[in-house]
Amino acid sequence: MTSCYPLLFEPILKQKVWGGRRLARFGKSLPTDDNVRIGESWELADLATTSLSGGGGDAAHSVIANGALAGQTIADAMRLWRHRLLGQEIYQRQRARYNSESPPFPLLLKFLDAGEHLSVQVHPSPAYAATHPEAHLKTESWFVLDAEPMSNTEPLIFSGLRPEVDEHALRDMITSGRVRDALLSHPAVPGQCHTLPSGTVHALGAGVLVAEVQTASDTTFRLYDWTREYSRPPRELHLDQAMQCITFFAPPPNEPTSASKTDSVSRLAETDFYTIDELRFHAGGHRIEDARCYALMGVAGSGTVEAPDAEPVSIGAGTTLLIPAGCAHGTSICGEPHLRVLRIALR
């Protein structure tokens, strides 16, 4: 049987009406036509279906780009390595959830480039997902890589509703084009991380480029799509489904987090599904001392990942790696002082 080793994947590029061209800065080979807007690079995906409303669509399984499994998919690796990929505890949990010996990988990792505002949207709440098998819970975190003003507009993260906004008021604001008055917002600051639990109304603002870590779901319900502001062709909205998912009168989302300038490891996000730490390398390299499954997303600089008995793999801005639990212990990450890496652990 093929031994575990760190996996690289072919990115899956997604054309979006709100997308841009900045993912080329992160090593993505964009179409040569500058008019083609790429909004997302799916770095690691293992979805049986993809659809904005959660009701079907093509599968998305990332293709492995290196080593003995090159050309096969993450789904193939899950079937081959099982608990050696996820770790025994996470594997047994996924196995029970899906009633399958080869369950899907539980996270979806992306880079997003918002040339325009993304739609105001919400993902299924736990209660909604429990009664709608086609809809999947989606908690996500956005790590801001870049933020540029677009058309003299401050780059923003929209996250949560103002406390006085109820369903009736929100519907009225959507109909009258005043939805921005319903939303809480933060300036988008490079290096900050925003975590958005399922049920939180949110939107990525124009000019913002992020690394996204989320649970493995493509279920999104649109509330407002900025068609007036950007003269976009209208897309389907999902108001009734969205209203069932929104957590009205919730406390404001947590303040964004950022890494310490002096610590080599800083916790940015801790959810029921994953944790995110930012690794810095001003004091040397990092060594993994446990046997857990980790994903690494390079956000700046360059370096090398070396697992026991495996070929070294380069990491840099825009690189995403998966380190199976079976080869995690003893894996080292080394690089120049400017190297910065998001380390994502399954929970």
Protein backbone atom coordinates (compact mmCIF):
# COMPACT_ATOMS: atom_id res chain seq x y z
CA MET A 1 0.00 0.00 0.00
CA THR A 2 1.23 3.51 -0.84
CA SER A 3 2.72 5.26 2.18
CA CYS A 4 1.25 8.57 3.31
CA TYR A 5 2.99 11.75 2.19
CA PRO A 6 2.11 15.49 1.99
CA LEU A 7 -0.35 16.11 -0.83
CA LEU A 8 -0.50 19.00 -3.29
CA PHE A 9 -3.61 19.57 -5.43
CA GLU A 10 -4.54 21.11 -8.76
CA PRO A 11 -6.58 24.26 -8.06
CA ILE A 12 -10.17 24.38 -9.31
CA LEU A 13 -10.74 27.91 -10.63
CA LYS A 14 -14.26 29.33 -10.50
CA GLN A 15 -15.40 32.17 -12.76
CA LYS A 16 -17.64 34.61 -10.85
CA VAL A 17 -19.43 37.82 -11.81
CA TRP A 18 -17.86 39.47 -8.75
CA GLY A 19 -14.36 38.05 -9.28
CA GLY A 20 -11.07 39.68 -10.27
CA ARG A 21 -7.57 38.89 -11.54
CA ARG A 22 -5.48 39.05 -8.37
CA LEU A 23 -5.22 35.31 -7.77
CA ALA A 24 -2.40 35.37 -10.33
CA ARG A 25 -0.30 36.97 -7.58
CA PHE A 26 -0.73 33.73 -5.64
CA GLY A 27 0.51 31.46 -8.39
CA LYS A 28 -2.80 30.68 -10.07
CA SER A 29 -2.78 30.32 -13.87
CA LEU A 30 -5.71 32.49 -14.90
CA PRO A 31 -7.29 32.52 -18.38
CA THR A 32 -5.39 34.82 -20.74
CA ASP A 33 -8.52 36.90 -21.44
CA ASP A 34 -8.39 39.75 -18.92
CA ASN A 35 -12.17 40.06 -19.08
CA VAL A 36 -12.59 36.65 -17.45
CA ARG A 37 -13.09 37.21 -13.73
CA ILE A 38 -11.91 34.44 -11.43
CA GLY A 39 -13.48 34.72 -8.00
CA GLU A 40 -12.42 31.48 -6.34
CA SER A 41 -9.61 28.97 -6.38
CA TRP A 42 -10.79 25.78 -4.72
CA GLU A 43 -7.61 24.42 -3.17
CA LEU A 44 -8.98 21.31 -1.49
CA ALA A 45 -12.50 20.08 -2.21
CA ASP A 46 -14.29 16.75 -1.77
CA LEU A 47 -17.95 17.47 -2.54
CA ALA A 48 -20.42 15.02 -4.06
CA THR A 49 -22.55 17.93 -5.33
CA THR A 50 -22.08 21.67 -5.77
CA SER A 51 -24.89 24.19 -5.89
CA LEU A 52 -25.60 27.63 -4.45
CA SER A 53 -28.93 26.44 -3.10
CA GLY A 54 -27.68 23.05 -1.98
CA GLY A 55 -29.82 21.15 -4.44
CA GLY A 56 -27.38 19.37 -6.71
CA GLY A 57 -24.81 20.04 -9.39
CA ASP A 58 -21.47 18.65 -10.45
CA ALA A 59 -19.14 16.96 -8.00
CA ALA A 60 -15.87 18.64 -7.03
CA HIS A 61 -12.99 16.37 -6.03
CA SER A 62 -9.51 17.92 -5.99
CA VAL A 63 -6.92 16.15 -8.13
CA ILE A 64 -3.60 15.27 -6.48
CA ALA A 65 -0.65 16.97 -8.18
CA ASN A 66 2.38 15.20 -6.69
CA GLY A 67 3.84 11.84 -5.73
CA ALA A 68 2.56 8.31 -6.19
CA LEU A 69 -1.11 9.36 -6.20
CA ALA A 70 -0.70 12.12 -8.80
CA GLY A 71 -3.73 12.21 -11.09
CA GLN A 72 -6.00 10.59 -8.52
CA THR A 73 -8.40 12.58 -6.33
CA ILE A 74 -8.74 13.39 -2.66
CA ALA A 75 -11.68 10.94 -2.67
CA ASP A 76 -9.30 8.22 -3.89
CA ALA A 77 -6.85 9.10 -1.11
CA MET A 78 -9.66 8.92 1.44
CA ARG A 79 -10.60 5.43 0.19
CA LEU A 80 -6.97 4.30 0.25
CA TRP A 81 -5.73 5.80 3.51
CA ARG A 82 -8.92 6.25 5.59
CA HIS A 83 -7.89 6.71 9.24
CA ARG A 84 -4.26 7.16 8.16
CA LEU A 85 -5.35 10.33 6.39
CA LEU A 86 -7.84 11.81 8.87
CA GLY A 87 -6.60 10.32 12.12
CA GLN A 88 -8.54 7.63 13.97
CA GLU A 89 -10.91 9.89 15.94
CA ILE A 90 -11.90 12.15 13.02
CA TYR A 91 -12.21 9.17 10.67
CA GLN A 92 -14.58 7.29 12.99
CA ARG A 93 -16.72 10.42 13.39
CA GLN A 94 -16.94 10.97 9.62
CA ARG A 95 -17.54 7.26 9.03
CA ALA A 96 -20.51 7.29 11.43
CA ARG A 97 -21.90 10.54 10.01
CA TYR A 98 -21.91 9.30 6.40
CA ASN A 99 -22.34 5.57 7.13
CA SER A 100 -19.41 4.92 4.83
CA GLU A 101 -15.99 3.34 5.07
CA SER A 102 -14.74 6.11 2.74
CA PRO A 103 -16.36 9.35 3.95
CA PRO A 104 -15.56 12.69 2.28
CA PHE A 105 -12.86 15.04 3.51
CA PRO A 106 -14.60 17.35 6.01
CA LEU A 107 -13.21 20.78 4.98
CA LEU A 108 -13.23 22.95 1.86
CA LEU A 109 -10.27 25.33 1.40
CA LYS A 110 -10.26 28.26 -1.03
CA PHE A 111 -8.72 31.56 -2.04
CA LEU A 112 -11.29 34.27 -2.91
CA ASP A 113 -10.78 37.48 -4.90
CA ALA A 114 -13.66 39.96 -4.65
CA GLY A 115 -13.44 42.52 -7.45
CA GLU A 116 -16.99 43.50 -6.48
CA HIS A 117 -19.16 42.82 -3.41
CA LEU A 118 -20.19 39.19 -3.03
CA SER A 119 -23.90 38.62 -2.55
CA VAL A 120 -25.31 39.16 0.93
CA GLN A 121 -25.85 35.58 2.00
CA VAL A 122 -26.33 33.09 4.78
CA HIS A 123 -25.59 29.39 5.17
CA PRO A 124 -27.82 26.76 6.79
CA SER A 125 -28.21 26.86 10.55
CA PRO A 126 -27.89 23.58 12.48
CA ALA A 127 -31.69 23.42 12.85
CA TYR A 128 -32.28 23.95 9.12
CA ALA A 129 -29.62 21.43 8.09
CA ALA A 130 -31.09 18.84 10.46
CA THR A 131 -34.44 18.94 8.64
CA HIS A 132 -33.19 19.47 5.06
CA PRO A 133 -30.87 16.60 3.99
CA GLU A 134 -29.81 18.45 0.82
CA ALA A 135 -28.52 21.43 2.84
CA HIS A 136 -25.23 21.30 4.73
CA LEU A 137 -23.97 23.30 7.68
CA LYS A 138 -21.31 25.81 6.70
CA THR A 139 -19.10 27.57 9.21
CA GLU A 140 -16.23 29.49 7.65
CA SER A 141 -13.25 31.73 8.41
CA TRP A 142 -11.77 34.44 6.17
CA PHE A 143 -8.10 35.37 6.53
CA VAL A 144 -7.54 38.71 4.77
CA LEU A 145 -4.59 38.60 2.36
CA ASP A 146 -5.10 41.94 0.63
CA ALA A 147 -7.57 44.83 0.72
CA GLU A 148 -7.69 47.52 -1.96
CA PRO A 149 -10.25 50.33 -2.28
CA MET A 150 -12.48 49.83 -5.32
CA SER A 151 -14.16 52.90 -6.88
CA ASN A 152 -13.20 54.92 -3.79
CA THR A 153 -15.03 52.41 -1.58
CA GLU A 154 -13.36 51.25 1.64
CA PRO A 155 -12.76 47.47 1.56
CA LEU A 156 -15.08 45.89 4.12
CA ILE A 157 -16.15 42.60 5.66
CA PHE A 158 -19.92 42.51 6.23
CA SER A 159 -20.68 40.22 9.15
CA GLY A 160 -23.93 40.04 11.12
CA LEU A 161 -27.12 42.10 11.37
CA ARG A 162 -27.68 45.22 13.41
CA PRO A 163 -29.39 44.23 16.67
CA GLU A 164 -32.68 46.00 15.89
CA VAL A 165 -33.19 44.26 12.53
CA ASP A 166 -35.89 41.57 12.51
CA GLU A 167 -37.22 39.53 9.59
CA HIS A 168 -39.83 42.11 8.58
CA ALA A 169 -37.30 44.95 8.60
CA LEU A 170 -34.74 42.90 6.68
CA ARG A 171 -37.23 41.99 3.96
CA ASP A 172 -38.21 45.64 3.63
CA MET A 173 -34.56 46.76 3.37
CA ILE A 174 -33.87 44.15 0.70
CA THR A 175 -36.89 45.20 -1.35
CA SER A 176 -35.99 48.90 -1.14
CA GLY A 177 -32.27 48.40 -1.82
CA ARG A 178 -31.22 49.52 1.69
CA VAL A 179 -29.73 46.20 2.76
CA ARG A 180 -26.41 47.79 3.70
CA ASP A 181 -28.22 49.64 6.50
CA ALA A 182 -29.05 46.25 8.03
CA LEU A 183 -25.48 44.95 8.10
CA LEU A 184 -22.64 45.25 10.57
CA SER A 185 -19.23 45.73 8.97
CA HIS A 186 -15.50 45.78 9.73
CA PRO A 187 -12.66 47.33 7.75
CA ALA A 188 -10.83 44.56 5.89
CA VAL A 189 -7.30 44.56 7.31
CA PRO A 190 -4.63 42.22 5.87
CA GLY A 191 -3.57 39.67 8.48
CA GLN A 192 -6.90 39.63 10.31
CA CYS A 193 -9.17 36.58 10.50
CA HIS A 194 -12.99 36.74 10.60
CA THR A 195 -14.96 33.65 11.65
CA LEU A 196 -18.59 33.34 10.52
CA PRO A 197 -20.73 30.64 12.14
CA SER A 198 -23.59 29.15 10.13
CA GLY A 199 -26.65 31.40 10.40
CA THR A 200 -24.62 34.64 10.20
CA VAL A 201 -25.58 37.05 7.40
CA HIS A 202 -22.38 38.12 5.65
CA ALA A 203 -20.68 39.33 2.48
CA LEU A 204 -17.12 39.84 1.32
CA GLY A 205 -16.63 43.43 0.22
CA ALA A 206 -15.14 44.65 -3.06
CA GLY A 207 -11.35 44.79 -3.11
CA VAL A 208 -10.82 42.06 -0.51
CA LEU A 209 -8.78 38.91 -1.16
CA VAL A 210 -8.96 36.13 1.43
CA ALA A 211 -7.95 32.59 2.26
CA GLU A 212 -11.11 30.73 3.25
CA VAL A 213 -11.40 27.72 5.55
CA GLN A 214 -14.87 26.19 5.82
CA THR A 215 -16.79 23.05 6.51
CA ALA A 216 -17.40 20.96 3.39
CA SER A 217 -20.58 22.58 2.11
CA ASP A 218 -21.60 24.54 -0.99
CA THR A 219 -25.03 25.47 0.37
CA THR A 220 -25.55 29.23 0.16
CA PHE A 221 -28.78 31.24 0.29
CA ARG A 222 -28.62 34.68 -1.34
CA LEU A 223 -30.50 37.61 0.16
CA TYR A 224 -29.23 40.46 -2.03
CA ASP A 225 -26.94 40.50 -5.05
CA TRP A 226 -26.05 44.19 -5.65
CA THR A 227 -27.63 44.09 -9.13
CA ARG A 228 -28.48 47.79 -8.96
CA GLU A 229 -25.07 48.85 -7.73
CA TYR A 230 -23.07 46.85 -10.31
CA SER A 231 -25.64 46.52 -13.13
CA ARG A 232 -25.35 42.75 -12.81
CA PRO A 233 -27.73 40.35 -14.49
CA PRO A 234 -30.16 39.18 -11.79
CA ARG A 235 -29.43 35.85 -10.14
CA GLU A 236 -31.78 33.70 -8.12
CA LEU A 237 -32.39 34.79 -4.54
CA HIS A 238 -33.41 32.43 -1.74
CA LEU A 239 -35.22 34.71 0.71
CA ASP A 240 -37.55 32.19 2.31
CA GLN A 241 -34.82 29.62 2.90
CA ALA A 242 -32.45 32.32 4.16
CA MET A 243 -34.95 33.67 6.67
CA GLN A 244 -35.24 30.20 8.19
CA CYS A 245 -31.46 30.07 8.67
CA ILE A 246 -30.66 33.57 9.97
CA THR A 247 -29.90 33.93 13.65
CA PHE A 248 -31.81 37.16 14.36
CA PHE A 249 -30.94 39.24 17.46
CA ALA A 250 -27.67 37.35 17.87
CA PRO A 251 -24.74 38.99 19.68
CA PRO A 252 -22.35 40.66 17.22
CA PRO A 253 -19.82 38.24 15.73
CA ASN A 254 -16.50 38.04 17.52
CA GLU A 255 -13.96 40.71 16.71
CA PRO A 256 -11.42 39.71 14.06
CA THR A 257 -8.23 38.08 15.32
CA SER A 258 -4.65 38.60 14.22
CA ALA A 259 -1.29 36.98 14.89
CA SER A 260 1.18 38.19 17.48
CA LYS A 261 4.17 39.93 15.94
CA THR A 262 6.50 38.13 18.36
CA ASP A 263 4.99 34.65 18.84
CA SER A 264 5.80 31.96 16.31
CA VAL A 265 2.33 30.36 16.68
CA SER A 266 -0.89 32.37 17.06
CA ARG A 267 -4.41 30.94 17.33
CA LEU A 268 -6.72 32.75 14.87
CA ALA A 269 -9.87 30.61 14.93
CA GLU A 270 -11.33 27.83 17.03
CA THR A 271 -14.64 26.31 15.95
CA ASP A 272 -16.39 23.00 16.53
CA PHE A 273 -14.95 21.78 13.21
CA TYR A 274 -11.42 23.16 12.88
CA THR A 275 -8.76 25.39 14.37
CA ILE A 276 -6.52 27.84 12.51
CA ASP A 277 -3.07 28.87 13.71
CA GLU A 278 -0.77 31.30 11.94
CA LEU A 279 2.84 30.12 11.88
CA ARG A 280 5.66 32.65 11.64
CA PHE A 281 9.30 31.79 11.09
CA HIS A 282 11.37 34.63 12.56
CA ALA A 283 12.62 32.26 15.28
CA GLY A 284 13.24 29.17 13.12
CA GLY A 285 11.14 26.31 11.77
CA HIS A 286 8.19 24.33 13.09
CA ARG A 287 7.96 20.60 13.74
CA ILE A 288 4.71 18.65 14.08
CA GLU A 289 4.84 16.50 17.19
CA ASP A 290 1.49 14.70 16.99
CA ALA A 291 -0.31 12.39 14.56
CA ARG A 292 -3.17 14.62 13.43
CA CYS A 293 -4.29 15.60 9.95
CA TYR A 294 -3.25 19.15 9.06
CA ALA A 295 -3.75 21.41 6.06
CA LEU A 296 -1.26 24.19 5.36
CA MET A 297 -2.04 27.32 3.35
CA GLY A 298 0.89 29.55 2.47
CA VAL A 299 0.04 33.25 2.68
CA ALA A 300 3.48 34.92 2.34
CA GLY A 301 7.13 34.06 1.71
CA SER A 302 8.52 30.66 0.74
CA GLY A 303 9.75 27.52 2.43
CA THR A 304 9.81 23.72 2.48
CA VAL A 305 7.74 20.98 4.11
CA GLU A 306 9.58 17.73 4.87
CA ALA A 307 7.74 14.65 6.11
CA PRO A 308 9.52 11.46 7.24
CA ASP A 309 10.45 9.21 4.30
CA ALA A 310 8.81 11.57 1.78
CA GLU A 311 10.05 13.99 -0.86
CA PRO A 312 10.33 17.62 0.33
CA VAL A 313 7.53 19.89 -0.92
CA SER A 314 7.82 23.63 -1.51
CA ILE A 315 5.32 25.98 0.14
CA GLY A 316 4.73 29.66 -0.53
CA ALA A 317 2.03 32.26 -1.01
CA GLY A 318 -0.90 30.49 -2.66
CA THR A 319 0.25 26.92 -1.91
CA THR A 320 -2.08 24.51 -0.12
CA LEU A 321 -0.81 21.23 1.33
CA LEU A 322 -2.54 18.37 3.11
CA ILE A 323 -0.48 16.46 5.66
CA PRO A 324 -2.12 13.09 6.44
CA ALA A 325 -2.16 11.99 10.05
CA GLY A 326 -0.07 8.96 9.08
CA CYS A 327 2.98 11.08 8.24
CA ALA A 328 2.37 14.17 10.39
CA HIS A 329 4.56 13.30 13.38
CA GLY A 330 8.06 14.54 12.70
CA THR A 331 7.09 16.68 9.70
CA SER A 332 9.03 19.95 9.65
CA ILE A 333 8.17 23.29 8.06
CA CYS A 334 11.12 25.56 7.38
CA GLY A 335 11.53 28.77 5.45
CA GLU A 336 12.68 32.34 5.20
CA PRO A 337 11.76 34.76 8.01
CA HIS A 338 8.96 36.21 5.85
CA LEU A 339 7.22 32.84 5.44
CA ARG A 340 3.72 32.81 6.93
CA VAL A 341 1.53 29.73 6.93
CA LEU A 342 -2.00 29.00 8.10
CA ARG A 343 -2.06 25.62 9.86
CA ILE A 344 -5.55 24.12 9.89
CA ALA A 345 -6.34 21.19 12.19
CA LEU A 346 -9.48 19.06 12.02
CA ARG A 347 -11.62 18.73 15.14
